[in-house]
N, C-alpha and C. Protein backbone atom coordinates (compact mmCIF):
# COMPACT_ATOMS: atom_id res chain seq x y z
N MET A 1 1.23 -1.38 0.51
CA MET A 1 0.61 -0.42 0.32
C MET A 1 0.89 1.07 -0.21
N PHE A 2 0.44 2.58 -0.51
CA PHE A 2 1.35 3.33 -0.40
C PHE A 2 0.62 4.41 0.05
N GLU A 3 0.88 5.32 0.36
CA GLU A 3 -0.03 6.74 0.89
C GLU A 3 -0.04 7.87 -0.31
N ILE A 4 -0.83 8.58 -0.59
CA ILE A 4 -0.77 10.26 -1.11
C ILE A 4 -0.95 10.66 -0.59
N THR A 5 0.00 11.92 0.07
CA THR A 5 0.47 13.07 0.29
C THR A 5 0.77 14.10 -0.01
N PRO A 6 0.26 15.75 -0.40
CA PRO A 6 -0.77 15.66 -0.30
C PRO A 6 -1.71 15.26 -1.51
N SER A 7 -2.62 15.86 -2.13
CA SER A 7 -3.51 15.63 -3.54
C SER A 7 -2.14 15.33 -5.01
N ALA A 8 -2.27 14.42 -5.12
CA ALA A 8 -1.19 14.50 -6.70
C ALA A 8 -2.32 14.72 -8.12
N TYR A 9 -1.18 14.64 -9.09
CA TYR A 9 -1.44 15.03 -10.30
C TYR A 9 -1.56 14.46 -11.82
N ALA A 10 -1.68 13.95 -12.82
CA ALA A 10 -1.00 13.49 -13.27
C ALA A 10 -1.92 14.23 -14.34
N VAL A 11 -1.65 15.01 -15.48
CA VAL A 11 -1.98 15.41 -16.78
C VAL A 11 -1.34 15.68 -18.31
N GLY A 12 -2.59 14.98 -18.86
CA GLY A 12 -2.09 14.83 -20.68
C GLY A 12 -2.82 15.67 -21.46
N GLY A 13 -1.97 16.23 -22.31
CA GLY A 13 -2.37 16.54 -23.40
C GLY A 13 -2.00 16.30 -24.72
N ALA A 14 -3.00 16.88 -25.54
CA ALA A 14 -3.09 16.34 -27.19
C ALA A 14 -3.51 17.37 -28.20
N VAL A 15 -2.72 18.30 -28.99
CA VAL A 15 -3.85 19.08 -29.78
C VAL A 15 -4.02 18.20 -31.08
N ALA A 16 -5.21 17.81 -31.42
CA ALA A 16 -5.80 16.63 -32.31
C ALA A 16 -7.02 17.03 -33.65
N ARG A 17 -7.38 16.30 -34.31
CA ARG A 17 -8.73 16.66 -34.90
C ARG A 17 -9.02 15.37 -34.81
N PRO A 18 -9.82 15.01 -34.31
CA PRO A 18 -9.95 13.37 -34.00
C PRO A 18 -10.81 12.76 -35.05
N TRP A 19 -11.95 13.55 -35.34
CA TRP A 19 -12.71 13.27 -37.03
C TRP A 19 -11.57 13.46 -37.83
N GLN A 20 -10.44 13.47 -38.15
CA GLN A 20 -9.77 12.58 -39.22
C GLN A 20 -8.80 11.69 -38.60
N HIS A 21 -8.76 10.95 -39.64
CA HIS A 21 -7.58 9.57 -39.75
C HIS A 21 -6.31 9.52 -38.64
N ARG A 22 -5.50 10.92 -38.93
CA ARG A 22 -4.66 11.15 -38.22
C ARG A 22 -5.20 12.02 -37.33
N PRO A 23 -5.44 12.02 -36.10
CA PRO A 23 -5.96 13.30 -35.80
C PRO A 23 -4.54 14.09 -35.11
N ALA A 24 -2.98 13.69 -34.69
CA ALA A 24 -2.47 14.28 -33.46
C ALA A 24 -1.30 14.75 -34.46
N ARG A 25 -1.19 16.48 -33.67
CA ARG A 25 0.05 17.09 -33.52
C ARG A 25 1.18 16.58 -33.00
N SER A 26 2.04 16.10 -33.48
CA SER A 26 3.49 15.17 -32.77
C SER A 26 4.29 16.07 -32.09
N ASP A 27 3.95 17.71 -33.21
CA ASP A 27 5.23 18.46 -32.90
C ASP A 27 5.07 19.48 -31.90
N ILE A 28 4.05 18.84 -30.91
CA ILE A 28 4.39 20.01 -29.79
C ILE A 28 5.09 19.31 -28.60
N ALA A 29 5.62 19.99 -28.40
CA ALA A 29 6.92 19.49 -27.24
C ALA A 29 7.15 19.42 -25.16
N SER A 30 6.16 21.10 -25.14
CA SER A 30 6.28 21.26 -24.05
C SER A 30 4.88 22.19 -23.60
N LEU A 31 4.66 22.11 -22.63
CA LEU A 31 3.20 22.65 -22.43
C LEU A 31 3.14 23.98 -22.75
N GLU A 32 4.22 24.82 -22.91
CA GLU A 32 3.86 26.15 -22.97
C GLU A 32 3.54 26.63 -24.67
N GLU A 33 4.25 25.26 -25.37
CA GLU A 33 4.05 25.19 -26.93
C GLU A 33 2.61 25.04 -26.85
N PHE A 34 2.02 23.60 -25.50
CA PHE A 34 0.46 24.29 -26.21
C PHE A 34 -0.14 24.35 -25.24
N ALA A 35 0.02 25.85 -24.60
CA ALA A 35 -0.89 27.15 -24.09
C ALA A 35 -0.98 27.83 -25.86
N LEU A 36 0.46 28.19 -26.15
CA LEU A 36 0.32 29.14 -27.44
C LEU A 36 -0.20 28.80 -28.12
N PHE A 37 -0.13 27.43 -28.81
CA PHE A 37 -0.67 26.86 -29.83
C PHE A 37 -1.96 27.53 -30.27
N THR A 38 -2.40 28.33 -31.63
CA THR A 38 -3.61 28.51 -32.02
C THR A 38 -3.83 28.80 -33.45
N GLU A 39 -2.96 27.59 -33.72
CA GLU A 39 -3.23 27.50 -35.20
C GLU A 39 -4.41 27.10 -35.63
N PRO A 40 -5.61 27.86 -36.75
CA PRO A 40 -6.87 27.09 -36.98
C PRO A 40 -7.20 25.97 -37.30
N GLY A 41 -8.37 25.40 -37.11
CA GLY A 41 -8.49 24.40 -37.23
C GLY A 41 -8.57 22.67 -36.70
N TRP A 42 -7.83 23.07 -35.30
CA TRP A 42 -7.29 21.99 -33.72
C TRP A 42 -8.22 21.89 -32.79
N THR A 43 -8.04 21.50 -32.11
CA THR A 43 -8.68 20.65 -30.78
C THR A 43 -7.69 20.85 -29.82
N LYS A 44 -7.51 20.91 -28.71
CA LYS A 44 -6.32 21.02 -27.54
C LYS A 44 -7.61 20.52 -26.63
N TYR A 45 -6.84 19.14 -25.99
CA TYR A 45 -7.31 18.89 -25.19
C TYR A 45 -6.38 18.51 -23.90
N LEU A 46 -6.57 18.52 -23.10
CA LEU A 46 -6.18 17.62 -21.17
C LEU A 46 -7.05 17.49 -20.62
N THR A 47 -5.97 16.32 -20.45
CA THR A 47 -7.11 15.13 -19.43
C THR A 47 -5.58 15.56 -18.00
N ASP A 48 -6.92 15.14 -16.87
CA ASP A 48 -5.93 14.49 -15.40
C ASP A 48 -6.24 14.12 -14.57
N PHE A 49 -6.06 13.50 -13.77
CA PHE A 49 -6.33 12.59 -12.52
C PHE A 49 -5.84 12.79 -11.67
N HIS A 50 -6.82 13.05 -11.29
CA HIS A 50 -6.41 13.37 -9.18
C HIS A 50 -6.68 12.96 -8.18
N LEU A 51 -5.14 12.40 -7.06
CA LEU A 51 -5.50 11.58 -5.95
C LEU A 51 -5.78 12.49 -5.18
N GLN A 52 -6.80 12.14 -4.39
CA GLN A 52 -7.02 13.32 -3.15
C GLN A 52 -7.30 12.17 -2.26
N PRO A 53 -6.55 12.94 -1.35
CA PRO A 53 -6.53 11.85 0.23
C PRO A 53 -7.49 12.44 1.01
N GLY A 54 -8.32 11.01 1.38
CA GLY A 54 -9.35 11.84 2.93
C GLY A 54 -10.15 10.49 2.94
N ASN A 55 -10.90 10.90 4.69
CA ASN A 55 -11.64 9.61 4.52
C ASN A 55 -11.25 8.20 4.83
N GLY A 56 -10.27 7.83 5.38
CA GLY A 56 -9.36 6.93 4.97
C GLY A 56 -9.62 6.49 4.27
N GLY A 57 -8.80 7.10 2.99
CA GLY A 57 -8.75 5.80 1.31
C GLY A 57 -8.42 7.90 0.40
N VAL A 58 -8.03 6.98 -0.89
CA VAL A 58 -7.70 7.70 -1.15
C VAL A 58 -9.12 8.11 -2.75
N GLN A 59 -9.50 9.40 -3.48
CA GLN A 59 -10.18 9.54 -4.25
C GLN A 59 -8.84 9.62 -5.39
N LEU A 60 -9.79 9.17 -6.33
CA LEU A 60 -9.29 9.11 -7.74
C LEU A 60 -10.29 9.73 -8.61
N THR A 61 -10.43 11.00 -9.86
CA THR A 61 -11.54 11.94 -10.44
C THR A 61 -10.80 12.30 -11.74
N THR A 62 -11.00 12.45 -12.46
CA THR A 62 -10.28 12.57 -14.10
C THR A 62 -11.23 13.10 -14.77
N GLU A 63 -10.60 14.07 -15.37
CA GLU A 63 -11.64 15.41 -16.13
C GLU A 63 -10.98 15.95 -17.40
N THR A 64 -11.13 16.07 -18.53
CA THR A 64 -10.92 16.12 -19.73
C THR A 64 -11.36 17.37 -19.93
N ARG A 65 -10.87 18.28 -20.56
CA ARG A 65 -11.00 19.79 -21.14
C ARG A 65 -10.82 19.56 -22.44
N GLY A 66 -11.34 20.53 -23.25
CA GLY A 66 -11.08 20.89 -24.66
C GLY A 66 -11.48 22.14 -25.33
N TYR A 67 -10.13 22.85 -25.89
CA TYR A 67 -10.63 24.32 -26.27
C TYR A 67 -9.72 23.86 -28.20
N SER A 68 -11.51 24.75 -28.49
CA SER A 68 -10.97 24.41 -30.43
C SER A 68 -10.42 25.56 -30.54
N THR A 69 -9.51 25.93 -31.36
CA THR A 69 -9.01 26.85 -32.11
C THR A 69 -9.57 28.09 -33.16
N ASP A 70 -10.73 27.19 -33.49
CA ASP A 70 -11.37 28.30 -34.71
C ASP A 70 -12.56 27.41 -34.05
N SER A 71 -13.59 28.28 -34.92
CA SER A 71 -15.50 28.36 -34.74
C SER A 71 -15.79 27.25 -35.28
N ARG A 72 -15.13 26.51 -36.89
CA ARG A 72 -15.08 25.42 -37.50
C ARG A 72 -14.43 23.85 -36.97
N ALA A 73 -13.99 24.18 -36.01
CA ALA A 73 -12.93 23.36 -35.73
C ALA A 73 -13.84 23.56 -34.39
N ARG A 74 -14.82 23.42 -33.75
CA ARG A 74 -15.67 23.71 -32.80
C ARG A 74 -17.25 22.87 -32.77
N ARG A 75 -17.03 23.82 -34.90
CA ARG A 75 -18.49 22.66 -34.90
C ARG A 75 -18.15 21.02 -35.45
N ARG A 76 -16.91 20.93 -36.00
CA ARG A 76 -16.71 19.52 -36.00
C ARG A 76 -16.27 18.67 -35.07
N PHE A 77 -15.95 19.70 -34.03
CA PHE A 77 -15.61 18.75 -32.14
C PHE A 77 -17.27 17.95 -31.82
N ALA A 78 -17.78 19.36 -32.11
CA ALA A 78 -19.15 18.70 -31.66
C ALA A 78 -19.82 17.67 -32.17
N VAL A 79 -19.86 17.34 -33.29
CA VAL A 79 -20.53 16.04 -33.88
C VAL A 79 -19.62 15.26 -33.70
N TYR A 80 -18.20 15.22 -33.81
CA TYR A 80 -17.33 14.37 -33.28
C TYR A 80 -18.20 13.60 -31.74
N TRP A 81 -17.82 14.76 -30.47
CA TRP A 81 -18.06 14.21 -29.12
C TRP A 81 -19.71 13.91 -28.81
N ALA A 82 -20.61 14.13 -29.64
CA ALA A 82 -21.98 13.78 -29.84
C ALA A 82 -21.95 12.46 -29.66
N LEU A 83 -21.43 12.15 -31.62
CA LEU A 83 -20.76 10.72 -31.39
C LEU A 83 -20.47 10.19 -30.36
N ILE A 84 -19.61 10.22 -30.08
CA ILE A 84 -18.29 9.22 -28.82
C ILE A 84 -19.43 9.15 -27.96
N ARG A 85 -19.67 10.88 -27.46
CA ARG A 85 -19.72 10.31 -25.71
C ARG A 85 -20.04 9.44 -24.93
N PRO A 86 -21.22 9.16 -25.19
CA PRO A 86 -21.32 7.82 -24.81
C PRO A 86 -20.14 6.67 -24.41
N ALA A 87 -19.59 6.18 -25.54
CA ALA A 87 -18.92 5.37 -25.62
C ALA A 87 -17.59 5.68 -24.66
N SER A 88 -17.41 7.01 -24.43
CA SER A 88 -16.51 7.43 -24.12
C SER A 88 -16.56 7.74 -22.99
N GLY A 89 -18.24 7.31 -22.35
CA GLY A 89 -18.29 7.85 -20.91
C GLY A 89 -17.85 5.92 -19.98
N LEU A 90 -18.16 5.85 -20.72
CA LEU A 90 -18.35 4.12 -20.11
C LEU A 90 -16.84 3.73 -19.94
N VAL A 91 -15.46 3.81 -21.35
CA VAL A 91 -14.52 3.62 -20.95
C VAL A 91 -14.37 4.36 -19.90
N ARG A 92 -14.10 5.49 -19.82
CA ARG A 92 -13.34 5.85 -18.24
C ARG A 92 -13.87 5.74 -17.29
N ARG A 93 -15.94 5.13 -16.52
CA ARG A 93 -16.18 4.58 -15.98
C ARG A 93 -15.56 3.60 -15.41
N ASP A 94 -15.55 2.69 -16.91
CA ASP A 94 -15.01 1.08 -16.51
C ASP A 94 -13.62 1.75 -16.09
N MET A 95 -12.55 2.05 -16.55
CA MET A 95 -11.16 2.34 -15.94
C MET A 95 -11.36 2.85 -14.40
N LEU A 96 -11.60 3.50 -13.85
CA LEU A 96 -12.20 4.07 -12.62
C LEU A 96 -12.36 2.55 -11.67
N ALA A 97 -13.54 1.93 -12.39
CA ALA A 97 -14.02 1.00 -11.60
C ALA A 97 -12.40 0.21 -11.60
N THR A 98 -11.86 -0.58 -12.72
CA THR A 98 -10.51 -1.60 -12.50
C THR A 98 -9.66 -1.10 -11.80
N VAL A 99 -9.63 1.03 -11.84
CA VAL A 99 -8.94 0.76 -10.51
C VAL A 99 -8.81 0.24 -9.32
N ARG A 100 -10.56 1.44 -9.05
CA ARG A 100 -10.16 0.64 -7.37
C ARG A 100 -10.74 -0.70 -7.20
N ARG A 101 -10.80 -1.63 -7.86
CA ARG A 101 -10.29 -3.28 -7.92
C ARG A 101 -9.35 -3.51 -7.30
N ARG A 102 -8.04 -2.90 -8.10
CA ARG A 102 -7.07 -3.52 -7.86
C ARG A 102 -6.54 -2.16 -6.92
N ALA A 103 -7.06 -1.71 -6.54
CA ALA A 103 -6.16 -0.83 -4.94
C ALA A 103 -6.69 -1.10 -4.31
N THR A 104 -8.05 -2.04 -4.01
CA THR A 104 -8.77 -2.38 -3.25
C THR A 104 -8.33 -3.81 -2.28
N PRO A 105 -7.64 -3.84 -0.78
CA PRO A 105 -7.15 -5.09 -0.81
C PRO A 105 -7.82 -6.02 -1.11
N GLN A 106 -7.25 -7.46 -1.28
CA GLN A 106 -8.72 -8.78 -0.88
C GLN A 106 -8.49 -9.06 -0.16
N PRO A 107 -9.84 -9.43 1.28
CA PRO A 107 -9.56 -10.58 1.95
C PRO A 107 -8.55 -12.08 1.67
């Protein structure tokens, strides 16, 4: 068993066009480049995992945020997200349930 004190974060990001076959940019090498990126036609994502101790255990939460660099990318992403959102939610809940099972001591 390990201890989390205080809270811990892991953050990942991407610049992508998920509605395309080869959607990701691989030339964004730093958080500064990610923050400054404004080229039209892209959506920037950040996903975080947050471990927070409390109530005799550790709570794991995850959140994904996105920002499209122009209105056309925002519309295209909205269509894409409407199609994949239900499955994305299932995958995320399954992932969190798996973490819970593996982190819970077995009798």
